[in-house]
N, C-alpha and C. Protein backbone atom coordinates (compact mmCIF):
# COMPACT_ATOMS: atom_id res chain seq x y z
N UNK A 1 166.52 142.11 176.73
CA UNK A 1 165.67 141.25 175.94
C UNK A 1 165.38 139.98 176.72
N UNK A 2 164.21 139.39 176.43
CA UNK A 2 163.83 138.13 177.05
C UNK A 2 163.36 137.18 175.96
N UNK A 3 163.37 135.90 176.27
CA UNK A 3 162.90 134.91 175.31
C UNK A 3 161.52 134.45 175.75
N UNK A 4 160.53 134.54 174.84
CA UNK A 4 159.18 134.12 175.20
C UNK A 4 159.01 132.62 174.98
N UNK A 5 157.78 132.12 175.20
CA UNK A 5 157.51 130.69 175.09
C UNK A 5 157.74 130.15 173.69
N UNK A 6 157.63 131.00 172.67
CA UNK A 6 157.86 130.57 171.31
C UNK A 6 159.35 130.60 170.93
N UNK A 7 160.20 131.02 171.85
CA UNK A 7 161.62 131.09 171.56
C UNK A 7 162.01 132.34 170.82
N UNK A 8 161.12 133.33 170.80
CA UNK A 8 161.38 134.58 170.10
C UNK A 8 161.89 135.59 171.12
N UNK A 9 162.94 136.31 170.77
CA UNK A 9 163.48 137.33 171.67
C UNK A 9 162.68 138.62 171.53
N UNK A 10 162.28 139.18 172.65
CA UNK A 10 161.52 140.43 172.65
C UNK A 10 162.12 141.39 173.67
N UNK A 11 161.96 142.65 173.39
CA UNK A 11 162.35 143.68 174.34
C UNK A 11 161.21 143.86 175.33
N UNK A 12 161.50 143.99 176.59
CA UNK A 12 160.46 144.20 177.58
C UNK A 12 159.74 145.51 177.31
N UNK A 13 158.41 145.46 177.48
CA UNK A 13 157.62 146.66 177.35
C UNK A 13 157.44 147.16 175.93
N UNK A 14 157.75 146.38 174.93
CA UNK A 14 157.67 146.83 173.55
C UNK A 14 156.39 146.41 172.83
N UNK A 15 155.52 145.62 173.47
CA UNK A 15 154.28 145.22 172.84
C UNK A 15 153.33 146.40 172.77
N UNK A 16 152.65 146.52 171.64
CA UNK A 16 151.64 147.57 171.52
C UNK A 16 150.40 147.16 172.31
N UNK A 17 149.51 148.11 172.55
CA UNK A 17 148.27 147.80 173.27
C UNK A 17 147.46 146.77 172.50
N UNK A 18 147.46 146.86 171.17
CA UNK A 18 146.72 145.90 170.35
C UNK A 18 147.30 144.50 170.51
N UNK A 19 148.62 144.38 170.51
CA UNK A 19 149.25 143.08 170.70
C UNK A 19 148.94 142.51 172.08
N UNK A 20 148.96 143.35 173.09
CA UNK A 20 148.64 142.90 174.44
C UNK A 20 147.20 142.42 174.52
N UNK A 21 146.26 143.12 173.89
CA UNK A 21 144.85 142.72 173.91
C UNK A 21 144.67 141.38 173.20
N UNK A 22 145.32 141.19 172.05
CA UNK A 22 145.19 139.94 171.31
C UNK A 22 145.69 138.76 172.13
N UNK A 23 146.78 138.95 172.88
CA UNK A 23 147.34 137.83 173.64
C UNK A 23 146.43 137.43 174.79
N UNK A 24 145.55 138.30 175.22
CA UNK A 24 144.62 137.96 176.31
C UNK A 24 143.38 137.24 175.79
N UNK A 25 143.14 137.27 174.50
CA UNK A 25 141.87 136.79 173.97
C UNK A 25 141.89 135.30 173.67
N UNK A 26 142.88 134.79 172.97
CA UNK A 26 142.87 133.41 172.49
C UNK A 26 144.29 132.89 172.39
N UNK A 27 144.50 131.68 172.85
CA UNK A 27 145.81 131.06 172.76
C UNK A 27 145.68 129.75 172.00
N UNK A 28 146.29 129.63 170.82
CA UNK A 28 146.21 128.37 170.08
C UNK A 28 147.10 127.30 170.72
N UNK A 29 146.73 126.06 170.54
CA UNK A 29 147.51 124.93 171.04
C UNK A 29 148.12 124.22 169.84
N UNK A 30 149.41 123.93 169.92
CA UNK A 30 150.10 123.22 168.86
C UNK A 30 150.81 122.02 169.46
N UNK A 31 150.94 120.96 168.65
CA UNK A 31 151.81 119.86 169.06
C UNK A 31 153.24 120.41 169.07
N UNK A 32 154.13 119.72 169.73
CA UNK A 32 155.52 120.18 169.78
C UNK A 32 156.11 120.28 168.39
N UNK A 33 155.83 119.28 167.54
CA UNK A 33 156.34 119.28 166.18
C UNK A 33 155.82 120.48 165.38
N UNK A 34 154.51 120.75 165.50
CA UNK A 34 153.93 121.90 164.79
C UNK A 34 154.48 123.21 165.32
N UNK A 35 154.62 123.33 166.64
CA UNK A 35 155.16 124.56 167.24
C UNK A 35 156.59 124.78 166.75
N UNK A 36 157.36 123.71 166.65
CA UNK A 36 158.74 123.82 166.14
C UNK A 36 158.74 124.36 164.71
N UNK A 37 157.81 123.89 163.88
CA UNK A 37 157.73 124.35 162.49
C UNK A 37 157.26 125.79 162.38
N UNK A 38 156.32 126.20 163.26
CA UNK A 38 155.87 127.60 163.28
C UNK A 38 157.06 128.50 163.60
N UNK A 39 157.82 128.14 164.63
CA UNK A 39 159.00 128.94 165.00
C UNK A 39 160.03 128.96 163.88
N UNK A 40 160.25 127.80 163.25
CA UNK A 40 161.24 127.72 162.17
C UNK A 40 160.83 128.60 160.99
N UNK A 41 159.54 128.53 160.62
CA UNK A 41 159.06 129.36 159.51
C UNK A 41 159.19 130.84 159.85
N UNK A 42 158.86 131.18 161.08
CA UNK A 42 158.95 132.58 161.49
C UNK A 42 160.40 133.05 161.45
N UNK A 43 161.30 132.27 161.99
CA UNK A 43 162.72 132.68 162.02
C UNK A 43 163.32 132.71 160.62
N UNK A 44 162.89 131.81 159.73
CA UNK A 44 163.46 131.76 158.38
C UNK A 44 162.89 132.85 157.46
N UNK A 45 161.60 133.15 157.59
CA UNK A 45 160.98 134.03 156.60
C UNK A 45 160.06 135.10 157.20
N UNK A 46 159.85 135.07 158.49
CA UNK A 46 158.90 136.00 159.10
C UNK A 46 159.21 137.46 158.85
N UNK A 47 160.44 137.85 159.04
CA UNK A 47 160.80 139.26 158.85
C UNK A 47 160.65 139.66 157.39
N UNK A 48 161.07 138.81 156.48
CA UNK A 48 160.96 139.12 155.05
C UNK A 48 159.50 139.25 154.62
N UNK A 49 158.60 138.53 155.29
CA UNK A 49 157.17 138.57 154.97
C UNK A 49 156.43 139.65 155.75
N UNK A 50 157.13 140.34 156.63
CA UNK A 50 156.51 141.45 157.36
C UNK A 50 155.85 141.08 158.68
N UNK A 51 156.12 139.88 159.19
CA UNK A 51 155.57 139.48 160.49
C UNK A 51 156.53 139.93 161.58
N UNK A 52 156.05 140.79 162.48
CA UNK A 52 156.92 141.27 163.55
C UNK A 52 157.03 140.24 164.67
N UNK A 53 156.00 140.01 165.48
CA UNK A 53 156.10 138.88 166.40
C UNK A 53 155.51 137.64 165.73
N UNK A 54 155.84 136.48 166.24
CA UNK A 54 155.33 135.23 165.68
C UNK A 54 153.81 135.18 165.74
N UNK A 55 153.20 135.87 166.68
CA UNK A 55 151.74 135.88 166.76
C UNK A 55 151.11 136.53 165.53
N UNK A 56 151.81 137.45 164.87
CA UNK A 56 151.28 138.04 163.63
C UNK A 56 151.15 136.97 162.55
N UNK A 57 152.13 136.07 162.46
CA UNK A 57 152.08 134.97 161.50
C UNK A 57 150.91 134.05 161.82
N UNK A 58 150.77 133.67 163.07
CA UNK A 58 149.71 132.76 163.50
C UNK A 58 148.34 133.40 163.26
N UNK A 59 148.21 134.66 163.64
CA UNK A 59 146.93 135.35 163.46
C UNK A 59 146.55 135.43 161.98
N UNK A 60 147.49 135.76 161.12
CA UNK A 60 147.20 135.87 159.69
C UNK A 60 146.73 134.53 159.13
N UNK A 61 147.40 133.45 159.52
CA UNK A 61 147.02 132.12 159.03
C UNK A 61 145.63 131.73 159.52
N UNK A 62 145.35 131.97 160.77
CA UNK A 62 144.04 131.61 161.33
C UNK A 62 142.94 132.43 160.67
N UNK A 63 143.16 133.72 160.50
CA UNK A 63 142.13 134.57 159.90
C UNK A 63 141.87 134.22 158.44
N UNK A 64 142.91 133.79 157.71
CA UNK A 64 142.70 133.31 156.33
C UNK A 64 141.78 132.10 156.33
N UNK A 65 141.98 131.19 157.28
CA UNK A 65 141.14 130.00 157.38
C UNK A 65 139.72 130.37 157.80
N UNK A 66 139.57 131.32 158.71
CA UNK A 66 138.23 131.76 159.13
C UNK A 66 137.48 132.33 157.92
N UNK A 67 138.14 133.14 157.11
CA UNK A 67 137.49 133.70 155.93
C UNK A 67 137.10 132.60 154.94
N UNK A 68 137.94 131.58 154.79
CA UNK A 68 137.60 130.47 153.92
C UNK A 68 136.36 129.74 154.44
N UNK A 69 136.30 129.51 155.74
CA UNK A 69 135.14 128.86 156.34
C UNK A 69 133.88 129.70 156.20
N UNK A 70 134.03 131.02 156.34
CA UNK A 70 132.88 131.91 156.16
C UNK A 70 132.34 131.79 154.73
N UNK A 71 133.25 131.79 153.75
CA UNK A 71 132.81 131.67 152.36
C UNK A 71 132.12 130.33 152.11
N UNK A 72 132.66 129.28 152.67
CA UNK A 72 132.14 127.94 152.40
C UNK A 72 130.87 127.62 153.19
N UNK A 73 130.78 128.10 154.41
CA UNK A 73 129.69 127.66 155.29
C UNK A 73 128.74 128.76 155.74
N UNK A 74 129.00 130.01 155.38
CA UNK A 74 128.14 131.11 155.86
C UNK A 74 127.94 132.18 154.78
N UNK A 75 127.90 131.77 153.52
CA UNK A 75 127.68 132.68 152.40
C UNK A 75 128.63 133.89 152.42
N UNK A 76 129.84 133.68 152.94
CA UNK A 76 130.84 134.73 152.96
C UNK A 76 130.64 135.79 154.03
N UNK A 77 129.64 135.61 154.85
CA UNK A 77 129.35 136.61 155.91
C UNK A 77 130.04 136.24 157.21
N UNK A 78 130.28 137.25 158.03
CA UNK A 78 130.82 137.00 159.36
C UNK A 78 129.74 136.34 160.21
N UNK A 79 130.17 135.49 161.13
CA UNK A 79 129.25 134.91 162.10
C UNK A 79 129.05 135.89 163.25
N UNK A 80 127.99 135.66 164.01
CA UNK A 80 127.79 136.44 165.23
C UNK A 80 128.95 136.13 166.17
N UNK A 81 129.46 137.13 166.87
CA UNK A 81 130.60 136.90 167.77
C UNK A 81 130.26 135.89 168.87
N UNK A 82 131.26 135.14 169.28
CA UNK A 82 131.14 134.22 170.40
C UNK A 82 132.13 134.70 171.46
N UNK A 83 131.62 135.07 172.59
CA UNK A 83 132.48 135.60 173.66
C UNK A 83 133.34 134.50 174.28
N UNK A 84 134.47 134.91 174.84
CA UNK A 84 135.35 133.97 175.53
C UNK A 84 134.58 133.27 176.64
N UNK A 85 134.82 131.98 176.77
CA UNK A 85 134.16 131.20 177.80
C UNK A 85 132.87 130.54 177.34
N UNK A 86 132.40 130.88 176.13
CA UNK A 86 131.14 130.33 175.64
C UNK A 86 131.32 128.90 175.12
N UNK A 87 132.49 128.55 174.71
CA UNK A 87 132.72 127.19 174.25
C UNK A 87 133.40 126.39 175.33
N UNK A 88 133.28 125.07 175.23
CA UNK A 88 133.88 124.20 176.24
C UNK A 88 135.41 124.31 176.15
N UNK A 89 136.08 124.58 177.27
CA UNK A 89 137.54 124.68 177.24
C UNK A 89 138.19 123.29 177.19
N UNK A 90 139.40 123.26 176.75
CA UNK A 90 140.18 122.03 176.78
C UNK A 90 140.18 121.27 175.47
N UNK A 91 140.84 120.16 175.51
CA UNK A 91 140.99 119.31 174.32
C UNK A 91 139.74 118.50 174.08
N UNK A 92 139.63 117.95 172.88
CA UNK A 92 138.50 117.08 172.54
C UNK A 92 138.58 115.79 173.35
N UNK A 93 137.42 115.19 173.59
CA UNK A 93 137.38 113.88 174.23
C UNK A 93 137.81 112.83 173.21
N UNK A 94 138.10 111.61 173.68
CA UNK A 94 138.47 110.54 172.76
C UNK A 94 137.36 110.27 171.76
N UNK A 95 136.10 110.30 172.21
CA UNK A 95 134.97 110.09 171.30
C UNK A 95 134.93 111.16 170.23
N UNK A 96 135.16 112.42 170.61
CA UNK A 96 135.18 113.51 169.63
C UNK A 96 136.31 113.33 168.63
N UNK A 97 137.48 112.88 169.10
CA UNK A 97 138.62 112.64 168.21
C UNK A 97 138.30 111.54 167.21
N UNK A 98 137.63 110.46 167.68
CA UNK A 98 137.27 109.36 166.78
C UNK A 98 136.29 109.84 165.71
N UNK A 99 135.29 110.62 166.11
CA UNK A 99 134.32 111.15 165.15
C UNK A 99 134.96 112.11 164.16
N UNK A 100 135.94 112.85 164.61
CA UNK A 100 136.63 113.81 163.74
C UNK A 100 137.41 113.08 162.65
N UNK A 101 137.92 111.91 162.94
CA UNK A 101 138.73 111.15 161.99
C UNK A 101 137.89 110.56 160.86
N UNK A 102 136.57 110.49 161.03
CA UNK A 102 135.70 109.89 160.00
C UNK A 102 135.47 110.79 158.84
């Protein structure tokens, strides 16, 4: 077994092809405090809730929010796909952060 970046122990070679594909597509960024809470929630309740790797928990939460945004801003329909690399990579600029706070 090895410990991944989230502090979760995994057996080598045990990821399914679907899990491997998901990990190549998108990586969320969390503050240290938020990442600590994600890991804590996963370790405390993840197995009881049916989340196998911590990424299942993160994916479920993100997709719930995407569906909420679709309902609120796109008449409940899916948006056209946006391929990787189409959006600007990296964190927001200071100006973007200030505008976001308004």
